[in-house]
């Protein structure tokens, strides 16, 4: 019995980090399932989702680890930082405290991931403009000062959710192409897979993976 052909060329490991209640699980669910969870329960420990995307003509499977934001789970979730190719660092634009804690999250990400891990800052809940407590300009400045990609997004409407995951993937792929990311290093967070063995057909559909999110 022949094995089914791989329908992706790379696997990228992502982590999603940030304070409790900023919408990390909702972003993951919107990305993997194209749905908004109105009553998104707080993550206990870590949850997981996958999806295949096309990045510069290559099929890439994203393995996304959604970490709990509560301090009591930090020791558990820190173990998932290792070997992450991308990190989505999320705050809530309507709660300044979640923005003020970004330096702590960034310190963890810098210390526990490899130097080439791509970190993207996401200001979630962009649909709640009337309740905004953090300006776009100051968050953009924080991102620029720390060498981060930056987007505001809404897990509710789906605005910029796709773009957030894709922009990080593009930067990771660029790092592979220019040689700054060593695929043979265990900590790279990237695995290379043959796209279709023995002339098998490559699945052209970029559909959310069936295993989805366990939120």
N, C-alpha and C. Protein backbone atom coordinates (compact mmCIF):
# COMPACT_ATOMS: atom_id res chain seq x y z
N UNK A 1 0.85 -1.20 0.00
CA UNK A 1 0.00 0.00 0.00
C UNK A 1 0.89 1.25 0.00
N UNK A 2 0.73 2.11 -0.97
CA UNK A 2 1.58 3.29 -1.07
C UNK A 2 1.09 4.38 -0.13
N UNK A 3 2.06 5.11 0.42
CA UNK A 3 1.72 6.20 1.34
C UNK A 3 1.13 7.36 0.56
N UNK A 4 0.20 8.04 1.17
CA UNK A 4 -0.39 9.22 0.53
C UNK A 4 0.67 10.30 0.37
N UNK A 5 0.65 11.03 -0.74
CA UNK A 5 1.68 12.06 -0.95
C UNK A 5 1.52 13.20 0.05
N UNK A 6 2.66 13.76 0.42
CA UNK A 6 2.62 14.97 1.25
C UNK A 6 1.98 16.09 0.44
N UNK A 7 1.17 16.89 1.06
CA UNK A 7 0.62 18.02 0.32
C UNK A 7 1.18 19.33 0.85
N UNK A 8 2.38 19.27 1.39
CA UNK A 8 3.08 20.47 1.82
C UNK A 8 4.58 20.22 1.77
N UNK A 9 5.34 21.30 1.62
CA UNK A 9 6.79 21.19 1.50
C UNK A 9 7.51 21.47 2.81
N UNK A 10 6.89 22.27 3.67
CA UNK A 10 7.53 22.64 4.94
C UNK A 10 6.51 22.58 6.08
N UNK A 11 7.03 22.37 7.28
CA UNK A 11 6.25 22.56 8.51
C UNK A 11 6.91 23.68 9.29
N UNK A 12 6.11 24.69 9.67
CA UNK A 12 6.60 25.77 10.53
C UNK A 12 5.89 25.67 11.88
N UNK A 13 6.66 25.71 12.93
CA UNK A 13 6.07 25.72 14.27
C UNK A 13 5.86 27.15 14.73
N UNK A 14 4.61 27.47 15.17
CA UNK A 14 4.28 28.78 15.71
C UNK A 14 3.86 28.64 17.18
N UNK A 15 4.09 29.69 17.94
CA UNK A 15 3.48 29.80 19.26
C UNK A 15 2.71 31.13 19.31
N UNK A 16 1.64 31.15 20.10
CA UNK A 16 0.89 32.39 20.33
C UNK A 16 1.00 32.72 21.81
N UNK A 17 1.50 33.92 22.11
CA UNK A 17 1.74 34.30 23.49
C UNK A 17 1.08 35.65 23.80
N UNK A 18 0.89 35.92 25.09
CA UNK A 18 0.26 37.16 25.51
C UNK A 18 -0.60 36.94 26.74
N UNK A 19 -1.08 38.02 27.32
CA UNK A 19 -1.88 37.97 28.54
C UNK A 19 -3.18 37.17 28.34
N UNK A 20 -3.74 36.74 29.45
CA UNK A 20 -5.03 36.07 29.43
C UNK A 20 -6.11 37.03 28.92
N UNK A 21 -6.99 36.52 28.06
CA UNK A 21 -8.13 37.30 27.61
C UNK A 21 -7.89 38.23 26.44
N UNK A 22 -6.70 38.17 25.84
CA UNK A 22 -6.43 39.06 24.70
C UNK A 22 -7.00 38.48 23.39
N UNK A 23 -7.41 37.21 23.42
CA UNK A 23 -8.02 36.61 22.24
C UNK A 23 -7.11 35.68 21.47
N UNK A 24 -6.13 35.09 22.14
CA UNK A 24 -5.19 34.18 21.45
C UNK A 24 -5.92 32.98 20.84
N UNK A 25 -6.75 32.32 21.66
CA UNK A 25 -7.48 31.14 21.17
C UNK A 25 -8.46 31.51 20.08
N UNK A 26 -9.06 32.70 20.20
CA UNK A 26 -10.01 33.15 19.18
C UNK A 26 -9.32 33.44 17.85
N UNK A 27 -8.10 33.98 17.92
CA UNK A 27 -7.33 34.19 16.69
C UNK A 27 -7.01 32.86 16.02
N UNK A 28 -6.58 31.89 16.83
CA UNK A 28 -6.27 30.57 16.29
C UNK A 28 -7.50 29.94 15.66
N UNK A 29 -8.63 30.02 16.34
CA UNK A 29 -9.86 29.41 15.84
C UNK A 29 -10.32 30.10 14.55
N UNK A 30 -10.21 31.42 14.51
CA UNK A 30 -10.59 32.16 13.30
C UNK A 30 -9.69 31.74 12.13
N UNK A 31 -8.42 31.55 12.41
CA UNK A 31 -7.46 31.18 11.37
C UNK A 31 -7.67 29.75 10.88
N UNK A 32 -7.88 28.81 11.78
CA UNK A 32 -7.98 27.40 11.38
C UNK A 32 -9.39 27.01 10.94
N UNK A 33 -10.42 27.64 11.54
CA UNK A 33 -11.79 27.23 11.27
C UNK A 33 -12.63 28.28 10.54
N UNK A 34 -12.08 29.49 10.39
CA UNK A 34 -12.80 30.60 9.77
C UNK A 34 -14.08 30.94 10.53
N UNK A 35 -14.02 30.80 11.83
CA UNK A 35 -15.18 31.09 12.68
C UNK A 35 -14.73 31.86 13.90
N UNK A 36 -15.67 32.65 14.44
CA UNK A 36 -15.40 33.37 15.69
C UNK A 36 -16.10 32.67 16.84
N UNK A 37 -15.35 32.39 17.90
CA UNK A 37 -15.93 31.81 19.09
C UNK A 37 -16.29 32.92 20.05
N UNK A 38 -17.58 33.19 20.22
CA UNK A 38 -18.02 34.28 21.08
C UNK A 38 -17.68 34.02 22.54
N UNK A 39 -17.83 32.76 22.98
CA UNK A 39 -17.52 32.39 24.36
C UNK A 39 -16.28 31.52 24.38
N UNK A 40 -15.15 32.16 24.13
CA UNK A 40 -13.89 31.42 24.03
C UNK A 40 -13.36 31.14 25.43
N UNK A 41 -13.29 29.89 25.87
CA UNK A 41 -12.81 29.61 27.22
C UNK A 41 -11.32 29.90 27.35
N UNK A 42 -10.89 30.24 28.56
CA UNK A 42 -9.46 30.47 28.78
C UNK A 42 -8.70 29.16 28.61
N UNK A 43 -7.57 29.25 27.93
CA UNK A 43 -6.75 28.06 27.70
C UNK A 43 -6.09 27.62 29.00
N UNK A 44 -6.13 26.31 29.23
CA UNK A 44 -5.43 25.73 30.37
C UNK A 44 -4.22 25.01 29.81
N UNK A 45 -3.05 25.54 30.11
CA UNK A 45 -1.82 24.97 29.56
C UNK A 45 -1.63 25.38 28.11
N UNK A 46 -1.82 24.42 27.18
CA UNK A 46 -1.55 24.69 25.76
C UNK A 46 -2.60 23.99 24.90
N UNK A 47 -3.02 24.66 23.82
CA UNK A 47 -3.89 24.04 22.83
C UNK A 47 -3.20 24.11 21.47
N UNK A 48 -3.75 23.39 20.51
CA UNK A 48 -3.02 23.15 19.26
C UNK A 48 -3.94 23.23 18.05
N UNK A 49 -3.45 23.80 16.97
CA UNK A 49 -4.18 23.81 15.71
C UNK A 49 -3.23 23.78 14.54
N UNK A 50 -3.71 23.38 13.38
CA UNK A 50 -2.87 23.36 12.18
C UNK A 50 -3.64 23.89 10.98
N UNK A 51 -2.88 24.35 10.01
CA UNK A 51 -3.47 24.72 8.73
C UNK A 51 -2.38 24.81 7.68
N UNK A 52 -2.73 24.48 6.44
CA UNK A 52 -1.78 24.57 5.34
C UNK A 52 -2.04 25.86 4.57
N UNK A 53 -0.95 26.60 4.31
CA UNK A 53 -1.03 27.86 3.55
C UNK A 53 -0.05 27.80 2.39
N UNK A 54 -0.26 28.69 1.42
CA UNK A 54 0.72 28.82 0.35
C UNK A 54 1.59 30.04 0.62
N UNK A 55 2.90 29.82 0.61
CA UNK A 55 3.87 30.89 0.87
C UNK A 55 4.87 30.91 -0.28
N UNK A 56 4.85 31.97 -1.06
CA UNK A 56 5.74 32.09 -2.21
C UNK A 56 5.72 30.83 -3.08
N UNK A 57 4.51 30.32 -3.34
CA UNK A 57 4.35 29.17 -4.23
C UNK A 57 4.60 27.82 -3.57
N UNK A 58 4.97 27.81 -2.30
CA UNK A 58 5.21 26.57 -1.57
C UNK A 58 4.08 26.31 -0.58
N UNK A 59 3.66 25.04 -0.46
CA UNK A 59 2.67 24.68 0.55
C UNK A 59 3.40 24.53 1.89
N UNK A 60 2.90 25.23 2.89
CA UNK A 60 3.51 25.20 4.22
C UNK A 60 2.45 24.82 5.25
N UNK A 61 2.76 23.83 6.07
CA UNK A 61 1.86 23.45 7.15
C UNK A 61 2.28 24.19 8.42
N UNK A 62 1.37 24.97 8.96
CA UNK A 62 1.64 25.67 10.21
C UNK A 62 1.14 24.82 11.38
N UNK A 63 2.01 24.53 12.31
CA UNK A 63 1.65 23.86 13.56
C UNK A 63 1.66 24.94 14.63
N UNK A 64 0.49 25.24 15.18
CA UNK A 64 0.35 26.42 16.03
C UNK A 64 0.00 26.02 17.46
N UNK A 65 0.84 26.44 18.40
CA UNK A 65 0.64 26.15 19.81
C UNK A 65 0.13 27.42 20.49
N UNK A 66 -1.08 27.32 21.02
CA UNK A 66 -1.75 28.44 21.69
C UNK A 66 -1.52 28.29 23.19
N UNK A 67 -0.78 29.22 23.78
CA UNK A 67 -0.38 29.08 25.18
C UNK A 67 -1.29 29.86 26.12
N UNK A 68 -1.41 29.36 27.34
CA UNK A 68 -2.21 30.04 28.36
C UNK A 68 -1.53 31.33 28.80
N UNK A 69 -2.35 32.35 29.10
CA UNK A 69 -1.78 33.64 29.49
C UNK A 69 -1.58 33.82 30.98
N UNK A 70 -2.21 32.95 31.79
CA UNK A 70 -2.11 33.12 33.24
C UNK A 70 -0.69 32.85 33.73
N UNK A 71 -0.27 33.62 34.70
CA UNK A 71 1.07 33.49 35.25
C UNK A 71 1.32 32.08 35.78
N UNK A 72 0.30 31.45 36.36
CA UNK A 72 0.50 30.12 36.96
C UNK A 72 0.83 29.05 35.93
N UNK A 73 0.57 29.34 34.65
CA UNK A 73 0.90 28.36 33.60
C UNK A 73 2.20 28.70 32.88
N UNK A 74 2.87 29.78 33.26
CA UNK A 74 4.04 30.23 32.51
C UNK A 74 5.14 29.17 32.48
N UNK A 75 5.34 28.47 33.59
CA UNK A 75 6.39 27.44 33.63
C UNK A 75 6.10 26.33 32.62
N UNK A 76 4.82 25.98 32.47
CA UNK A 76 4.43 24.95 31.51
C UNK A 76 4.58 25.46 30.09
N UNK A 77 4.05 26.65 29.83
CA UNK A 77 4.04 27.14 28.45
C UNK A 77 5.43 27.52 27.94
N UNK A 78 6.34 27.87 28.84
CA UNK A 78 7.69 28.25 28.40
C UNK A 78 8.37 27.11 27.65
N UNK A 79 8.04 25.86 28.00
CA UNK A 79 8.68 24.73 27.34
C UNK A 79 8.30 24.64 25.86
N UNK A 80 7.19 25.29 25.48
CA UNK A 80 6.74 25.24 24.08
C UNK A 80 7.41 26.29 23.21
N UNK A 81 8.11 27.24 23.83
CA UNK A 81 8.81 28.27 23.04
C UNK A 81 9.94 27.66 22.24
N UNK A 82 10.58 26.65 22.82
CA UNK A 82 11.77 26.07 22.19
C UNK A 82 11.43 25.51 20.81
N UNK A 83 12.24 25.84 19.85
CA UNK A 83 12.02 25.31 18.50
C UNK A 83 10.87 25.95 17.76
N UNK A 84 10.48 27.16 18.15
CA UNK A 84 9.41 27.87 17.43
C UNK A 84 10.03 28.71 16.31
N UNK A 85 9.51 28.55 15.09
CA UNK A 85 10.00 29.36 13.98
C UNK A 85 9.34 30.73 13.98
N UNK A 86 8.11 30.79 14.52
CA UNK A 86 7.37 32.05 14.56
C UNK A 86 6.64 32.20 15.88
N UNK A 87 6.53 33.44 16.35
CA UNK A 87 5.80 33.73 17.59
C UNK A 87 4.85 34.89 17.34
N UNK A 88 3.57 34.68 17.64
CA UNK A 88 2.57 35.75 17.56
C UNK A 88 2.36 36.28 18.97
N UNK A 89 2.76 37.51 19.19
CA UNK A 89 2.66 38.12 20.52
C UNK A 89 1.46 39.07 20.50
N UNK A 90 0.44 38.74 21.30
CA UNK A 90 -0.86 39.39 21.18
C UNK A 90 -1.17 40.25 22.40
N UNK A 91 -1.73 41.44 22.14
CA UNK A 91 -2.29 42.27 23.20
C UNK A 91 -3.68 42.72 22.76
N UNK A 92 -4.43 43.28 23.69
CA UNK A 92 -5.80 43.73 23.45
C UNK A 92 -5.76 45.26 23.37
N UNK A 93 -6.17 45.82 22.22
CA UNK A 93 -6.07 47.27 22.05
C UNK A 93 -6.97 48.05 23.02
N UNK A 94 -7.91 47.35 23.67
CA UNK A 94 -8.82 48.03 24.61
C UNK A 94 -8.35 47.90 26.06
N UNK A 95 -7.25 47.18 26.30
CA UNK A 95 -6.75 47.00 27.68
C UNK A 95 -5.26 47.32 27.72
N UNK A 96 -4.95 48.51 28.21
CA UNK A 96 -3.55 48.95 28.23
C UNK A 96 -2.65 48.03 29.04
N UNK A 97 -3.19 47.41 30.07
CA UNK A 97 -2.35 46.52 30.90
C UNK A 97 -1.75 45.40 30.05
N UNK A 98 -2.50 44.90 29.06
CA UNK A 98 -1.99 43.82 28.22
C UNK A 98 -0.87 44.31 27.31
N UNK A 99 -0.92 45.59 26.97
CA UNK A 99 0.15 46.21 26.18
C UNK A 99 1.38 46.45 27.05
N UNK A 100 1.14 46.88 28.28
CA UNK A 100 2.25 47.16 29.20
C UNK A 100 3.05 45.92 29.54
N UNK A 101 2.43 44.76 29.43
CA UNK A 101 3.12 43.50 29.76
C UNK A 101 3.91 42.92 28.58
N UNK A 102 3.88 43.59 27.43
CA UNK A 102 4.53 43.04 26.24
C UNK A 102 6.04 42.86 26.43
N UNK A 103 6.66 43.76 27.17
CA UNK A 103 8.12 43.65 27.36
C UNK A 103 8.49 42.34 28.05
N UNK A 104 7.64 41.93 29.00
CA UNK A 104 7.89 40.66 29.70
C UNK A 104 7.73 39.47 28.75
N UNK A 105 6.67 39.51 27.93
CA UNK A 105 6.47 38.43 26.96
C UNK A 105 7.60 38.40 25.94
N UNK A 106 8.04 39.57 25.52
CA UNK A 106 9.11 39.64 24.52
C UNK A 106 10.42 39.10 25.10
N UNK A 107 10.68 39.41 26.36
CA UNK A 107 11.90 38.90 27.02
C UNK A 107 11.89 37.38 27.02
N UNK A 108 10.74 36.79 27.39
CA UNK A 108 10.62 35.32 27.35
C UNK A 108 10.87 34.79 25.95
N UNK A 109 10.23 35.43 24.96
CA UNK A 109 10.36 34.96 23.58
C UNK A 109 11.80 35.03 23.10
N UNK A 110 12.47 36.13 23.41
CA UNK A 110 13.87 36.28 22.99
C UNK A 110 14.78 35.27 23.68
N UNK A 111 14.52 35.03 24.95
CA UNK A 111 15.40 34.15 25.73
C UNK A 111 15.17 32.67 25.44
N UNK A 112 13.96 32.30 25.07
CA UNK A 112 13.61 30.88 24.99
C UNK A 112 13.49 30.35 23.56
N UNK A 113 13.51 31.24 22.57
CA UNK A 113 13.48 30.79 21.18
C UNK A 113 14.84 31.01 20.55
N UNK A 114 15.00 30.59 19.30
CA UNK A 114 16.30 30.78 18.64
C UNK A 114 16.39 32.21 18.09
N UNK A 115 17.60 32.69 17.81
CA UNK A 115 17.76 34.09 17.40
C UNK A 115 17.03 34.47 16.12
N UNK A 116 16.69 33.48 15.29
CA UNK A 116 16.02 33.76 14.03
C UNK A 116 14.50 33.60 14.09
N UNK A 117 13.96 33.34 15.28
CA UNK A 117 12.51 33.22 15.40
C UNK A 117 11.86 34.54 14.99
N UNK A 118 10.88 34.45 14.12
CA UNK A 118 10.17 35.64 13.64
C UNK A 118 9.05 35.97 14.63
N UNK A 119 9.08 37.17 15.18
CA UNK A 119 8.06 37.59 16.15
C UNK A 119 7.20 38.68 15.53
N UNK A 120 5.89 38.46 15.56
CA UNK A 120 4.96 39.46 15.03
C UNK A 120 4.05 39.92 16.16
N UNK A 121 3.94 41.22 16.32
CA UNK A 121 3.09 41.83 17.34
C UNK A 121 1.69 42.02 16.75
N UNK A 122 0.68 41.55 17.47
CA UNK A 122 -0.70 41.67 17.00
C UNK A 122 -1.56 42.40 18.02
N UNK A 123 -2.13 43.52 17.61
CA UNK A 123 -3.09 44.23 18.44
C UNK A 123 -4.47 43.70 18.10
N UNK A 124 -5.02 42.83 18.96
CA UNK A 124 -6.31 42.20 18.67
C UNK A 124 -7.47 43.09 19.12
N UNK A 125 -8.65 42.75 18.64
CA UNK A 125 -9.92 43.44 18.93
C UNK A 125 -9.99 44.81 18.26
N UNK A 126 -9.44 44.87 17.04
CA UNK A 126 -9.47 46.11 16.26
C UNK A 126 -10.90 46.54 15.92
N UNK A 127 -11.85 45.62 16.07
CA UNK A 127 -13.25 45.96 15.82
C UNK A 127 -13.84 46.83 16.92
N UNK A 128 -13.14 46.91 18.07
CA UNK A 128 -13.64 47.70 19.21
C UNK A 128 -12.96 49.07 19.26
N UNK A 129 -12.99 49.77 18.13
CA UNK A 129 -12.31 51.07 18.00
C UNK A 129 -12.77 52.07 19.05
N UNK A 130 -14.06 52.06 19.37
CA UNK A 130 -14.60 53.03 20.33
C UNK A 130 -14.03 52.83 21.74
N UNK A 131 -13.55 51.61 22.01
CA UNK A 131 -13.00 51.31 23.34
C UNK A 131 -11.47 51.30 23.34
N UNK A 132 -10.86 51.76 22.27
CA UNK A 132 -9.41 51.70 22.13
C UNK A 132 -8.70 52.38 23.29
N UNK A 133 -7.68 51.69 23.82
CA UNK A 133 -6.89 52.22 24.94
C UNK A 133 -5.40 52.30 24.58
N UNK A 134 -5.04 51.73 23.43
CA UNK A 134 -3.65 51.74 22.96
C UNK A 134 -3.67 52.22 21.51
N UNK A 135 -2.93 53.27 21.20
CA UNK A 135 -2.94 53.80 19.83
C UNK A 135 -2.13 52.91 18.89
N UNK A 136 -2.52 52.95 17.63
CA UNK A 136 -1.79 52.20 16.61
C UNK A 136 -0.34 52.69 16.53
N UNK A 137 -0.18 54.01 16.63
CA UNK A 137 1.15 54.62 16.47
C UNK A 137 2.14 54.16 17.54
N UNK A 138 1.68 54.10 18.80
CA UNK A 138 2.64 53.72 19.86
C UNK A 138 3.00 52.24 19.77
N UNK A 139 2.04 51.41 19.38
CA UNK A 139 2.35 49.98 19.23
C UNK A 139 3.29 49.77 18.05
N UNK A 140 3.07 50.52 16.97
CA UNK A 140 3.94 50.42 15.80
C UNK A 140 5.37 50.84 16.16
N UNK A 141 5.48 51.89 16.99
CA UNK A 141 6.80 52.34 17.42
C UNK A 141 7.49 51.27 18.27
N UNK A 142 6.72 50.65 19.19
CA UNK A 142 7.27 49.57 20.03
C UNK A 142 7.79 48.43 19.14
N UNK A 143 7.01 48.09 18.12
CA UNK A 143 7.40 47.02 17.20
C UNK A 143 8.68 47.38 16.45
N UNK A 144 8.75 48.60 15.95
CA UNK A 144 9.93 49.04 15.20
C UNK A 144 11.18 49.05 16.07
N UNK A 145 11.02 49.53 17.31
CA UNK A 145 12.16 49.60 18.22
C UNK A 145 12.70 48.21 18.57
N UNK A 146 11.82 47.20 18.50
CA UNK A 146 12.22 45.85 18.89
C UNK A 146 12.34 44.89 17.70
N UNK A 147 12.29 45.44 16.49
CA UNK A 147 12.48 44.63 15.30
C UNK A 147 11.38 43.61 15.06
N UNK A 148 10.13 43.99 15.36
CA UNK A 148 9.01 43.08 15.22
C UNK A 148 8.14 43.48 14.02
N UNK A 149 7.51 42.50 13.41
CA UNK A 149 6.42 42.79 12.47
C UNK A 149 5.23 43.26 13.30
N UNK A 150 4.31 44.01 12.71
CA UNK A 150 3.18 44.52 13.48
C UNK A 150 1.91 44.62 12.64
N UNK A 151 0.81 44.16 13.21
CA UNK A 151 -0.51 44.29 12.60
C UNK A 151 -1.56 44.45 13.69
N UNK A 152 -2.61 45.21 13.40
CA UNK A 152 -3.80 45.15 14.24
C UNK A 152 -4.78 44.22 13.55
N UNK A 153 -5.51 43.44 14.33
CA UNK A 153 -6.39 42.41 13.77
C UNK A 153 -7.65 42.29 14.61
N UNK A 154 -8.61 41.55 14.09
CA UNK A 154 -9.84 41.26 14.83
C UNK A 154 -10.20 39.79 14.65
N UNK A 155 -10.13 39.04 15.75
CA UNK A 155 -10.54 37.64 15.69
C UNK A 155 -12.03 37.53 15.43
N UNK A 156 -12.76 38.59 15.74
CA UNK A 156 -14.22 38.57 15.56
C UNK A 156 -14.59 38.72 14.08
N UNK A 157 -14.04 39.72 13.42
CA UNK A 157 -14.39 39.97 12.01
C UNK A 157 -13.47 39.22 11.04
N UNK A 158 -12.34 38.77 11.54
CA UNK A 158 -11.37 38.11 10.68
C UNK A 158 -10.36 39.06 10.06
N UNK A 159 -10.52 40.36 10.31
CA UNK A 159 -9.61 41.37 9.73
C UNK A 159 -8.16 41.09 10.11
N UNK A 160 -7.32 40.97 9.09
CA UNK A 160 -5.87 40.79 9.23
C UNK A 160 -5.43 39.52 9.96
N UNK A 161 -6.35 38.60 10.23
CA UNK A 161 -5.96 37.35 10.90
C UNK A 161 -5.12 36.50 9.96
N UNK A 162 -5.63 36.31 8.75
CA UNK A 162 -4.89 35.56 7.73
C UNK A 162 -3.53 36.21 7.48
N UNK A 163 -3.55 37.54 7.37
CA UNK A 163 -2.33 38.29 7.06
C UNK A 163 -1.27 38.11 8.15
N UNK A 164 -1.70 38.06 9.41
CA UNK A 164 -0.75 37.93 10.52
C UNK A 164 0.04 36.63 10.41
N UNK A 165 -0.68 35.52 10.22
CA UNK A 165 0.00 34.23 10.10
C UNK A 165 0.83 34.16 8.83
N UNK A 166 0.32 34.76 7.76
CA UNK A 166 1.02 34.71 6.48
C UNK A 166 2.28 35.57 6.48
N UNK A 167 2.21 36.76 7.05
CA UNK A 167 3.38 37.64 7.07
C UNK A 167 4.54 37.00 7.84
N UNK A 168 4.22 36.35 8.96
CA UNK A 168 5.26 35.66 9.72
C UNK A 168 5.84 34.52 8.88
N UNK A 169 4.97 33.77 8.18
CA UNK A 169 5.43 32.65 7.35
C UNK A 169 6.33 33.14 6.21
N UNK A 170 5.97 34.27 5.62
CA UNK A 170 6.80 34.84 4.54
C UNK A 170 8.20 35.17 5.04
N UNK A 171 8.25 35.76 6.24
CA UNK A 171 9.56 36.13 6.79
C UNK A 171 10.39 34.87 7.12
N UNK A 172 9.73 33.84 7.64
CA UNK A 172 10.44 32.59 7.93
C UNK A 172 10.98 31.99 6.63
N UNK A 173 10.13 31.96 5.61
CA UNK A 173 10.54 31.40 4.32
C UNK A 173 11.72 32.20 3.74
N UNK A 174 11.66 33.50 3.89
CA UNK A 174 12.76 34.37 3.42
C UNK A 174 14.06 34.02 4.15
N UNK A 175 13.95 33.75 5.47
CA UNK A 175 15.13 33.38 6.25
C UNK A 175 15.72 32.05 5.79
N UNK A 176 14.83 31.14 5.33
CA UNK A 176 15.31 29.86 4.79
C UNK A 176 16.06 30.12 3.49
N UNK A 177 15.47 30.95 2.63
CA UNK A 177 16.05 31.20 1.31
C UNK A 177 17.39 31.92 1.39
N UNK A 178 17.53 32.84 2.34
CA UNK A 178 18.81 33.58 2.42
C UNK A 178 19.84 32.88 3.29
N UNK A 179 19.47 31.70 3.83
CA UNK A 179 20.44 30.90 4.58
C UNK A 179 20.60 31.26 6.03
N UNK A 180 19.83 32.24 6.53
CA UNK A 180 19.98 32.64 7.94
C UNK A 180 19.30 31.65 8.88
N UNK A 181 18.44 30.78 8.34
CA UNK A 181 17.79 29.76 9.15
C UNK A 181 18.31 28.40 8.72
N UNK A 182 18.95 27.71 9.64
CA UNK A 182 19.55 26.41 9.35
C UNK A 182 18.51 25.31 9.58
N UNK A 183 18.05 24.69 8.50
CA UNK A 183 17.01 23.66 8.61
C UNK A 183 17.50 22.41 9.32
N UNK A 184 18.81 22.24 9.41
CA UNK A 184 19.34 21.06 10.09
C UNK A 184 19.43 21.26 11.60
N UNK A 185 19.24 22.50 12.05
CA UNK A 185 19.29 22.77 13.50
C UNK A 185 17.98 22.35 14.14
N UNK A 186 18.08 21.63 15.25
CA UNK A 186 16.89 21.12 15.93
C UNK A 186 15.98 22.25 16.41
N UNK A 187 16.58 23.40 16.67
CA UNK A 187 15.81 24.51 17.23
C UNK A 187 15.20 25.43 16.17
N UNK A 188 15.36 25.10 14.88
CA UNK A 188 14.92 26.03 13.83
C UNK A 188 13.40 26.19 13.78
N UNK A 189 12.66 25.17 14.22
CA UNK A 189 11.20 25.23 14.16
C UNK A 189 10.65 24.97 12.77
N UNK A 190 11.51 24.50 11.87
CA UNK A 190 11.10 24.22 10.49
C UNK A 190 11.52 22.80 10.11
N UNK A 191 10.61 22.09 9.48
CA UNK A 191 10.93 20.78 8.89
C UNK A 191 10.66 20.86 7.40
N UNK A 192 11.56 20.27 6.63
CA UNK A 192 11.37 20.24 5.18
C UNK A 192 10.84 18.88 4.77
N UNK A 193 9.76 18.87 3.99
CA UNK A 193 9.15 17.63 3.53
C UNK A 193 9.15 17.60 2.01
N UNK A 194 9.31 16.42 1.40
CA UNK A 194 9.15 16.36 -0.06
C UNK A 194 7.72 16.68 -0.41
N UNK A 195 7.51 17.51 -1.43
CA UNK A 195 6.15 17.97 -1.71
C UNK A 195 5.28 16.88 -2.31
N UNK A 196 5.84 15.99 -3.12
CA UNK A 196 5.03 14.89 -3.67
C UNK A 196 5.96 13.77 -4.13
N UNK A 197 6.07 12.69 -3.34
CA UNK A 197 7.00 11.62 -3.70
C UNK A 197 6.56 10.86 -4.95
N UNK A 198 7.54 10.34 -5.73
CA UNK A 198 7.29 9.47 -6.87
C UNK A 198 6.30 10.07 -7.87
N UNK A 199 6.34 11.37 -8.05
CA UNK A 199 5.45 11.98 -9.03
C UNK A 199 4.01 12.04 -8.58
N UNK A 200 3.75 11.82 -7.30
CA UNK A 200 2.39 11.91 -6.81
C UNK A 200 1.85 13.32 -6.95
N UNK A 201 0.56 13.46 -7.03
CA UNK A 201 -0.03 14.78 -7.25
C UNK A 201 0.04 15.62 -5.99
N UNK A 202 0.33 16.88 -6.17
CA UNK A 202 0.36 17.84 -5.08
C UNK A 202 -1.03 18.43 -4.92
N UNK A 203 -1.56 18.34 -3.74
CA UNK A 203 -2.89 18.90 -3.49
C UNK A 203 -2.81 20.41 -3.53
N UNK A 204 -3.54 21.03 -4.44
CA UNK A 204 -3.43 22.48 -4.62
C UNK A 204 -4.32 23.27 -3.68
N UNK A 205 -5.14 22.59 -2.91
CA UNK A 205 -6.06 23.32 -2.04
C UNK A 205 -5.39 23.70 -0.74
N UNK A 206 -5.58 24.95 -0.33
CA UNK A 206 -5.08 25.39 0.97
C UNK A 206 -6.26 25.46 1.92
N UNK A 207 -6.64 24.30 2.43
CA UNK A 207 -7.81 24.21 3.28
C UNK A 207 -7.39 24.09 4.72
N UNK A 208 -8.24 24.56 5.65
CA UNK A 208 -7.94 24.32 7.06
C UNK A 208 -7.82 22.83 7.32
N UNK A 209 -6.79 22.46 8.08
CA UNK A 209 -6.57 21.05 8.37
C UNK A 209 -7.72 20.48 9.19
N UNK A 210 -8.04 19.22 8.95
CA UNK A 210 -9.19 18.61 9.58
C UNK A 210 -9.07 18.53 11.10
N UNK A 211 -7.80 18.33 11.58
CA UNK A 211 -7.69 18.19 13.02
C UNK A 211 -8.04 19.47 13.76
N UNK A 212 -7.86 20.60 13.03
CA UNK A 212 -8.32 21.88 13.56
C UNK A 212 -7.77 22.23 14.91
N UNK A 213 -8.59 22.91 15.69
CA UNK A 213 -8.18 23.43 16.99
C UNK A 213 -8.98 22.74 18.06
N UNK A 214 -8.35 22.44 19.17
CA UNK A 214 -9.05 21.74 20.23
C UNK A 214 -9.66 22.71 21.25
N UNK A 215 -9.85 23.98 20.80
CA UNK A 215 -10.39 24.97 21.71
C UNK A 215 -11.79 24.56 22.16
